[in-house]
Amino acid sequence: MRYDHLGEYSREGGANRRYGIPVAGDDPAAKKQVFDLIEQIGFEPVDAGGLSDSRSFQPGTDVYTADLPADELRERIGI
C-alpha cells in the first residue's frame, strides 16, 4: 500500500468491505496496538497468525502488492 492509498481506500469503522492489512506477530499485546492503529487510519486489520505465518503475504506472493477488501485478503492468504 502506498501513502496515497490512505485517503483513497480508507473507510469509517463498520463500513462495508474495508480494505485489509495483514498483521503477523508472536506478541499479542503488540498485535493489539497495531490492530488499533490500522483501525484508526480506516482499514481492517487481518490477523495472519504468528510471525512464522508472515510468509503468506511477503514479497513475491500474489497479495503482497494487492489492495484487497479484508474478506478477500483472508481468503487469499488462507485464513
PDB file of N, CA and C in Angstrom:
ATOM      1  N   MET A   1       0.845  -1.166   0.000  1.00  0.00           N
ATOM      2  CA  MET A   1       0.000   0.000   0.000  1.00  0.00           C
ATOM      3  C   MET A   1       0.895   1.235   0.000  1.00  0.00           C
ATOM      4  N   ARG A   2       0.543   2.153  -0.841  1.00  0.00           N
ATOM      5  CA  ARG A   2       1.287   3.415  -0.912  1.00  0.00           C
ATOM      6  C   ARG A   2       0.595   4.473  -0.057  1.00  0.00           C
ATOM      7  N   TYR A   3       1.344   5.520   0.279  1.00  0.00           N
ATOM      8  CA  TYR A   3       0.802   6.580   1.135  1.00  0.00           C
ATOM      9  C   TYR A   3      -0.454   7.216   0.544  1.00  0.00           C
ATOM     10  N   ASP A   4      -0.522   7.320  -0.793  1.00  0.00           N
ATOM     11  CA  ASP A   4      -1.688   7.967  -1.398  1.00  0.00           C
ATOM     12  C   ASP A   4      -2.943   7.100  -1.328  1.00  0.00           C
ATOM     13  N   HIS A   5      -2.786   5.841  -0.960  1.00  0.00           N
ATOM     14  CA  HIS A   5      -3.945   4.968  -0.779  1.00  0.00           C
ATOM     15  C   HIS A   5      -4.667   5.242   0.537  1.00  0.00           C
ATOM     16  N   LEU A   6      -3.990   5.888   1.473  1.00  0.00           N
ATOM     17  CA  LEU A   6      -4.607   6.126   2.779  1.00  0.00           C
ATOM     18  C   LEU A   6      -5.933   6.856   2.652  1.00  0.00           C
ATOM     19  N   GLY A   7      -5.991   7.906   1.891  1.00  0.00           N
ATOM     20  CA  GLY A   7      -7.237   8.645   1.712  1.00  0.00           C
ATOM     21  C   GLY A   7      -8.194   7.964   0.760  1.00  0.00           C
ATOM     22  N   GLU A   8      -7.641   7.331  -0.259  1.00  0.00           N
ATOM     23  CA  GLU A   8      -8.470   6.723  -1.301  1.00  0.00           C
ATOM     24  C   GLU A   8      -9.192   5.460  -0.835  1.00  0.00           C
ATOM     25  N   TYR A   9      -8.519   4.625  -0.039  1.00  0.00           N
ATOM     26  CA  TYR A   9      -9.079   3.330   0.338  1.00  0.00           C
ATOM     27  C   TYR A   9      -9.585   3.233   1.773  1.00  0.00           C
ATOM     28  N   SER A  10      -9.309   4.223   2.606  1.00  0.00           N
ATOM     29  CA  SER A  10      -9.741   4.115   3.999  1.00  0.00           C
ATOM     30  C   SER A  10     -11.256   4.284   4.103  1.00  0.00           C
ATOM     31  N   ARG A  11     -11.847   3.612   5.100  1.00  0.00           N
ATOM     32  CA  ARG A  11     -13.290   3.649   5.327  1.00  0.00           C
ATOM     33  C   ARG A  11     -13.542   3.790   6.825  1.00  0.00           C
ATOM     34  N   GLU A  12     -14.659   4.392   7.163  1.00  0.00           N
ATOM     35  CA  GLU A  12     -15.060   4.507   8.568  1.00  0.00           C
ATOM     36  C   GLU A  12     -15.264   3.115   9.163  1.00  0.00           C
ATOM     37  N   GLY A  13     -15.054   2.999  10.475  1.00  0.00           N
ATOM     38  CA  GLY A  13     -15.301   1.744  11.161  1.00  0.00           C
ATOM     39  C   GLY A  13     -16.724   1.272  10.931  1.00  0.00           C
ATOM     40  N   GLY A  14     -16.897  -0.007  10.681  1.00  0.00           N
ATOM     41  CA  GLY A  14     -18.212  -0.567  10.420  1.00  0.00           C
ATOM     42  C   GLY A  14     -18.632  -0.486   8.967  1.00  0.00           C
ATOM     43  N   ALA A  15     -17.828   0.176   8.141  1.00  0.00           N
ATOM     44  CA  ALA A  15     -18.161   0.288   6.715  1.00  0.00           C
ATOM     45  C   ALA A  15     -18.060  -1.077   6.052  1.00  0.00           C
ATOM     46  N   ASN A  16     -18.820  -1.243   5.015  1.00  0.00           N
ATOM     47  CA  ASN A  16     -18.830  -2.492   4.266  1.00  0.00           C
ATOM     48  C   ASN A  16     -17.563  -2.617   3.424  1.00  0.00           C
ATOM     49  N   ARG A  17     -16.956  -3.785   3.440  1.00  0.00           N
ATOM     50  CA  ARG A  17     -15.794  -4.118   2.599  1.00  0.00           C
ATOM     51  C   ARG A  17     -14.613  -3.166   2.780  1.00  0.00           C
ATOM     52  N   ARG A  18     -14.188  -3.015   4.019  1.00  0.00           N
ATOM     53  CA  ARG A  18     -12.973  -2.238   4.287  1.00  0.00           C
ATOM     54  C   ARG A  18     -11.762  -3.005   3.764  1.00  0.00           C
ATOM     55  N   TYR A  19     -10.776  -2.285   3.304  1.00  0.00           N
ATOM     56  CA  TYR A  19      -9.550  -2.913   2.830  1.00  0.00           C
ATOM     57  C   TYR A  19      -8.768  -3.457   4.017  1.00  0.00           C
ATOM     58  N   GLY A  20      -8.157  -4.620   3.821  1.00  0.00           N
ATOM     59  CA  GLY A  20      -7.441  -5.286   4.896  1.00  0.00           C
ATOM     60  C   GLY A  20      -5.944  -5.058   4.856  1.00  0.00           C
ATOM     61  N   ILE A  21      -5.348  -5.070   6.029  1.00  0.00           N
ATOM     62  CA  ILE A  21      -3.898  -5.025   6.172  1.00  0.00           C
ATOM     63  C   ILE A  21      -3.521  -6.201   7.066  1.00  0.00           C
ATOM     64  N   PRO A  22      -2.726  -7.148   6.537  1.00  0.00           N
ATOM     65  CA  PRO A  22      -2.366  -8.318   7.331  1.00  0.00           C
ATOM     66  C   PRO A  22      -1.348  -7.979   8.416  1.00  0.00           C
ATOM     67  N   VAL A  23      -1.506  -8.646   9.557  1.00  0.00           N
ATOM     68  CA  VAL A  23      -0.598  -8.463  10.688  1.00  0.00           C
ATOM     69  C   VAL A  23      -0.235  -9.846  11.213  1.00  0.00           C
ATOM     70  N   ALA A  24       1.059 -10.110  11.318  1.00  0.00           N
ATOM     71  CA  ALA A  24       1.532 -11.361  11.905  1.00  0.00           C
ATOM     72  C   ALA A  24       2.507 -11.010  13.019  1.00  0.00           C
ATOM     73  N   GLY A  25       2.428 -11.743  14.114  1.00  0.00           N
ATOM     74  CA  GLY A  25       3.336 -11.482  15.224  1.00  0.00           C
ATOM     75  C   GLY A  25       3.112 -12.464  16.349  1.00  0.00           C
ATOM     76  N   ASP A  26       4.099 -12.563  17.219  1.00  0.00           N
ATOM     77  CA  ASP A  26       4.035 -13.504  18.334  1.00  0.00           C
ATOM     78  C   ASP A  26       3.717 -12.839  19.670  1.00  0.00           C
ATOM     79  N   ASP A  27       3.574 -11.528  19.679  1.00  0.00           N
ATOM     80  CA  ASP A  27       3.285 -10.783  20.904  1.00  0.00           C
ATOM     81  C   ASP A  27       1.858 -10.230  20.816  1.00  0.00           C
ATOM     82  N   PRO A  28       0.905 -10.857  21.518  1.00  0.00           N
ATOM     83  CA  PRO A  28      -0.492 -10.425  21.426  1.00  0.00           C
ATOM     84  C   PRO A  28      -0.710  -8.949  21.765  1.00  0.00           C
ATOM     85  N   ALA A  29      -0.004  -8.421  22.748  1.00  0.00           N
ATOM     86  CA  ALA A  29      -0.183  -7.010  23.117  1.00  0.00           C
ATOM     87  C   ALA A  29       0.300  -6.091  21.996  1.00  0.00           C
ATOM     88  N   ALA A  30       1.399  -6.444  21.376  1.00  0.00           N
ATOM     89  CA  ALA A  30       1.915  -5.635  20.266  1.00  0.00           C
ATOM     90  C   ALA A  30       0.967  -5.707  19.074  1.00  0.00           C
ATOM     91  N   LYS A  31       0.435  -6.902  18.796  1.00  0.00           N
ATOM     92  CA  LYS A  31      -0.519  -7.037  17.687  1.00  0.00           C
ATOM     93  C   LYS A  31      -1.756  -6.188  17.944  1.00  0.00           C
ATOM     94  N   LYS A  32      -2.218  -6.143  19.179  1.00  0.00           N
ATOM     95  CA  LYS A  32      -3.388  -5.331  19.520  1.00  0.00           C
ATOM     96  C   LYS A  32      -3.117  -3.862  19.231  1.00  0.00           C
ATOM     97  N   GLN A  33      -1.928  -3.386  19.559  1.00  0.00           N
ATOM     98  CA  GLN A  33      -1.579  -1.990  19.276  1.00  0.00           C
ATOM     99  C   GLN A  33      -1.583  -1.724  17.774  1.00  0.00           C
ATOM    100  N   VAL A  34      -1.042  -2.653  17.007  1.00  0.00           N
ATOM    101  CA  VAL A  34      -1.019  -2.498  15.550  1.00  0.00           C
ATOM    102  C   VAL A  34      -2.441  -2.549  15.002  1.00  0.00           C
ATOM    103  N   PHE A  35      -3.266  -3.463  15.509  1.00  0.00           N
ATOM    104  CA  PHE A  35      -4.671  -3.539  15.079  1.00  0.00           C
ATOM    105  C   PHE A  35      -5.369  -2.200  15.320  1.00  0.00           C
ATOM    106  N   ASP A  36      -5.164  -1.630  16.500  1.00  0.00           N
ATOM    107  CA  ASP A  36      -5.800  -0.348  16.829  1.00  0.00           C
ATOM    108  C   ASP A  36      -5.366   0.751  15.859  1.00  0.00           C
ATOM    109  N   LEU A  37      -4.088   0.807  15.549  1.00  0.00           N
ATOM    110  CA  LEU A  37      -3.580   1.809  14.614  1.00  0.00           C
ATOM    111  C   LEU A  37      -4.197   1.628  13.233  1.00  0.00           C
ATOM    112  N   ILE A  38      -4.252   0.399  12.760  1.00  0.00           N
ATOM    113  CA  ILE A  38      -4.829   0.119  11.441  1.00  0.00           C
ATOM    114  C   ILE A  38      -6.288   0.561  11.397  1.00  0.00           C
ATOM    115  N   GLU A  39      -7.043   0.278  12.454  1.00  0.00           N
ATOM    116  CA  GLU A  39      -8.444   0.700  12.505  1.00  0.00           C
ATOM    117  C   GLU A  39      -8.561   2.223  12.535  1.00  0.00           C
ATOM    118  N   GLN A  40      -7.670   2.892  13.258  1.00  0.00           N
ATOM    119  CA  GLN A  40      -7.715   4.355  13.349  1.00  0.00           C
ATOM    120  C   GLN A  40      -7.487   5.028  12.002  1.00  0.00           C
ATOM    121  N   ILE A  41      -6.727   4.400  11.122  1.00  0.00           N
ATOM    122  CA  ILE A  41      -6.482   5.014   9.812  1.00  0.00           C
ATOM    123  C   ILE A  41      -7.475   4.540   8.756  1.00  0.00           C
ATOM    124  N   GLY A  42      -8.496   3.766   9.174  1.00  0.00           N
ATOM    125  CA  GLY A  42      -9.594   3.438   8.282  1.00  0.00           C
ATOM    126  C   GLY A  42      -9.497   2.136   7.522  1.00  0.00           C
ATOM    127  N   PHE A  43      -8.694   1.208   8.037  1.00  0.00           N
ATOM    128  CA  PHE A  43      -8.563  -0.090   7.394  1.00  0.00           C
ATOM    129  C   PHE A  43      -8.920  -1.188   8.382  1.00  0.00           C
ATOM    130  N   GLU A  44      -9.019  -2.418   7.888  1.00  0.00           N
ATOM    131  CA  GLU A  44      -9.366  -3.538   8.761  1.00  0.00           C
ATOM    132  C   GLU A  44      -8.146  -4.417   8.979  1.00  0.00           C
ATOM    133  N   PRO A  45      -7.728  -4.596  10.240  1.00  0.00           N
ATOM    134  CA  PRO A  45      -6.606  -5.491  10.493  1.00  0.00           C
ATOM    135  C   PRO A  45      -7.020  -6.939  10.243  1.00  0.00           C
ATOM    136  N   VAL A  46      -6.132  -7.681   9.629  1.00  0.00           N
ATOM    137  CA  VAL A  46      -6.367  -9.094   9.353  1.00  0.00           C
ATOM    138  C   VAL A  46      -5.315  -9.877  10.130  1.00  0.00           C
ATOM    139  N   ASP A  47      -5.761 -10.655  11.111  1.00  0.00           N
ATOM    140  CA  ASP A  47      -4.838 -11.435  11.934  1.00  0.00           C
ATOM    141  C   ASP A  47      -4.328 -12.607  11.110  1.00  0.00           C
ATOM    142  N   ALA A  48      -3.055 -12.524  10.721  1.00  0.00           N
ATOM    143  CA  ALA A  48      -2.454 -13.547   9.867  1.00  0.00           C
ATOM    144  C   ALA A  48      -1.681 -14.579  10.674  1.00  0.00           C
ATOM    145  N   GLY A  49      -1.836 -14.574  11.994  1.00  0.00           N
ATOM    146  CA  GLY A  49      -1.189 -15.579  12.827  1.00  0.00           C
ATOM    147  C   GLY A  49       0.122 -15.107  13.419  1.00  0.00           C
ATOM    148  N   GLY A  50       0.993 -16.081  13.683  1.00  0.00           N
ATOM    149  CA  GLY A  50       2.292 -15.784  14.268  1.00  0.00           C
ATOM    150  C   GLY A  50       3.282 -15.270  13.235  1.00  0.00           C
ATOM    151  N   LEU A  51       4.427 -14.848  13.731  1.00  0.00           N
ATOM    152  CA  LEU A  51       5.445 -14.286  12.850  1.00  0.00           C
ATOM    153  C   LEU A  51       5.850 -15.265  11.750  1.00  0.00           C
ATOM    154  N   SER A  52       5.904 -16.542  12.068  1.00  0.00           N
ATOM    155  CA  SER A  52       6.279 -17.537  11.051  1.00  0.00           C
ATOM    156  C   SER A  52       5.241 -17.638   9.938  1.00  0.00           C
ATOM    157  N   ASP A  53       4.022 -17.160  10.185  1.00  0.00           N
ATOM    158  CA  ASP A  53       2.965 -17.190   9.167  1.00  0.00           C
ATOM    159  C   ASP A  53       3.046 -16.009   8.208  1.00  0.00           C
ATOM    160  N   SER A  54       3.933 -15.068   8.480  1.00  0.00           N
ATOM    161  CA  SER A  54       4.006 -13.871   7.644  1.00  0.00           C
ATOM    162  C   SER A  54       4.457 -14.173   6.221  1.00  0.00           C
ATOM    163  N   ARG A  55       4.988 -15.354   5.995  1.00  0.00           N
ATOM    164  CA  ARG A  55       5.409 -15.697   4.628  1.00  0.00           C
ATOM    165  C   ARG A  55       4.232 -15.728   3.664  1.00  0.00           C
ATOM    166  N   SER A  56       3.012 -15.819   4.164  1.00  0.00           N
ATOM    167  CA  SER A  56       1.844 -15.871   3.272  1.00  0.00           C
ATOM    168  C   SER A  56       1.547 -14.533   2.605  1.00  0.00           C
ATOM    169  N   PHE A  57       2.200 -13.458   3.061  1.00  0.00           N
ATOM    170  CA  PHE A  57       1.981 -12.157   2.421  1.00  0.00           C
ATOM    171  C   PHE A  57       3.286 -11.388   2.213  1.00  0.00           C
ATOM    172  N   GLN A  58       4.391 -12.104   2.190  1.00  0.00           N
ATOM    173  CA  GLN A  58       5.692 -11.459   1.979  1.00  0.00           C
ATOM    174  C   GLN A  58       5.922 -11.141   0.502  1.00  0.00           C
ATOM    175  N   PRO A  59       6.984 -10.376   0.175  1.00  0.00           N
ATOM    176  CA  PRO A  59       7.278 -10.077  -1.230  1.00  0.00           C
ATOM    177  C   PRO A  59       7.352 -11.361  -2.059  1.00  0.00           C
ATOM    178  N   GLY A  60       6.793 -11.280  -3.235  1.00  0.00           N
ATOM    179  CA  GLY A  60       6.762 -12.430  -4.129  1.00  0.00           C
ATOM    180  C   GLY A  60       5.444 -13.186  -4.101  1.00  0.00           C
ATOM    181  N   THR A  61       4.584 -12.899  -3.111  1.00  0.00           N
ATOM    182  CA  THR A  61       3.266 -13.534  -3.082  1.00  0.00           C
ATOM    183  C   THR A  61       2.285 -12.661  -3.854  1.00  0.00           C
ATOM    184  N   ASP A  62       1.199 -13.265  -4.291  1.00  0.00           N
ATOM    185  CA  ASP A  62       0.225 -12.509  -5.095  1.00  0.00           C
ATOM    186  C   ASP A  62      -0.515 -11.440  -4.302  1.00  0.00           C
ATOM    187  N   VAL A  63      -0.481 -11.504  -2.984  1.00  0.00           N
ATOM    188  CA  VAL A  63      -1.178 -10.491  -2.185  1.00  0.00           C
ATOM    189  C   VAL A  63      -0.256  -9.370  -1.716  1.00  0.00           C
ATOM    190  N   TYR A  64       1.043  -9.497  -1.954  1.00  0.00           N
ATOM    191  CA  TYR A  64       1.996  -8.516  -1.410  1.00  0.00           C
ATOM    192  C   TYR A  64       1.681  -7.091  -1.851  1.00  0.00           C
ATOM    193  N   THR A  65       1.388  -6.874  -3.087  1.00  0.00           N
ATOM    194  CA  THR A  65       1.084  -5.521  -3.563  1.00  0.00           C
ATOM    195  C   THR A  65      -0.379  -5.347  -3.937  1.00  0.00           C
ATOM    196  N   ALA A  66      -1.206  -6.318  -3.581  1.00  0.00           N
ATOM    197  CA  ALA A  66      -2.632  -6.243  -3.918  1.00  0.00           C
ATOM    198  C   ALA A  66      -3.375  -5.432  -2.861  1.00  0.00           C
ATOM    199  N   ASP A  67      -4.276  -4.589  -3.307  1.00  0.00           N
ATOM    200  CA  ASP A  67      -5.159  -3.846  -2.406  1.00  0.00           C
ATOM    201  C   ASP A  67      -6.484  -4.586  -2.399  1.00  0.00           C
ATOM    202  N   LEU A  68      -6.770  -5.266  -1.287  1.00  0.00           N
ATOM    203  CA  LEU A  68      -7.918  -6.163  -1.230  1.00  0.00           C
ATOM    204  C   LEU A  68      -8.816  -5.862  -0.041  1.00  0.00           C
ATOM    205  N   PRO A  69     -10.124  -6.027  -0.230  1.00  0.00           N
ATOM    206  CA  PRO A  69     -11.014  -5.985   0.934  1.00  0.00           C
ATOM    207  C   PRO A  69     -10.600  -7.093   1.909  1.00  0.00           C
ATOM    208  N   ALA A  70     -10.828  -6.874   3.188  1.00  0.00           N
ATOM    209  CA  ALA A  70     -10.366  -7.795   4.225  1.00  0.00           C
ATOM    210  C   ALA A  70     -10.843  -9.224   4.006  1.00  0.00           C
ATOM    211  N   ASP A  71     -12.095  -9.409   3.600  1.00  0.00           N
ATOM    212  CA  ASP A  71     -12.596 -10.772   3.415  1.00  0.00           C
ATOM    213  C   ASP A  71     -11.853 -11.486   2.289  1.00  0.00           C
ATOM    214  N   GLU A  72     -11.557 -10.779   1.224  1.00  0.00           N
ATOM    215  CA  GLU A  72     -10.816 -11.385   0.114  1.00  0.00           C
ATOM    216  C   GLU A  72      -9.359 -11.642   0.507  1.00  0.00           C
ATOM    217  N   LEU A  73      -8.771 -10.743   1.272  1.00  0.00           N
ATOM    218  CA  LEU A  73      -7.402 -10.944   1.743  1.00  0.00           C
ATOM    219  C   LEU A  73      -7.318 -12.203   2.597  1.00  0.00           C
ATOM    220  N   ARG A  74      -8.265 -12.381   3.517  1.00  0.00           N
ATOM    221  CA  ARG A  74      -8.281 -13.586   4.364  1.00  0.00           C
ATOM    222  C   ARG A  74      -8.338 -14.847   3.504  1.00  0.00           C
ATOM    223  N   GLU A  75      -9.194 -14.829   2.513  1.00  0.00           N
ATOM    224  CA  GLU A  75      -9.346 -15.989   1.636  1.00  0.00           C
ATOM    225  C   GLU A  75      -8.045 -16.273   0.877  1.00  0.00           C
ATOM    226  N   ARG A  76      -7.427 -15.239   0.366  1.00  0.00           N
ATOM    227  CA  ARG A  76      -6.238 -15.426  -0.471  1.00  0.00           C
ATOM    228  C   ARG A  76      -5.005 -15.850   0.324  1.00  0.00           C
ATOM    229  N   ILE A  77      -4.937 -15.489   1.612  1.00  0.00           N
ATOM    230  CA  ILE A  77      -3.798 -15.957   2.406  1.00  0.00           C
ATOM    231  C   ILE A  77      -4.151 -17.196   3.230  1.00  0.00           C
ATOM    232  N   GLY A  78      -5.357 -17.691   3.049  1.00  0.00           N
ATOM    233  CA  GLY A  78      -5.733 -18.972   3.633  1.00  0.00           C
ATOM    234  C   GLY A  78      -6.121 -18.951   5.092  1.00  0.00           C
ATOM    235  N   ILE A  79      -6.764 -17.860   5.535  1.00  0.00           N
ATOM    236  CA  ILE A  79      -7.226 -17.842   6.936  1.00  0.00           C
ATOM    237  C   ILE A  79      -8.713 -17.558   6.998  1.00  0.00           C
TER     238      ILE A  79
END
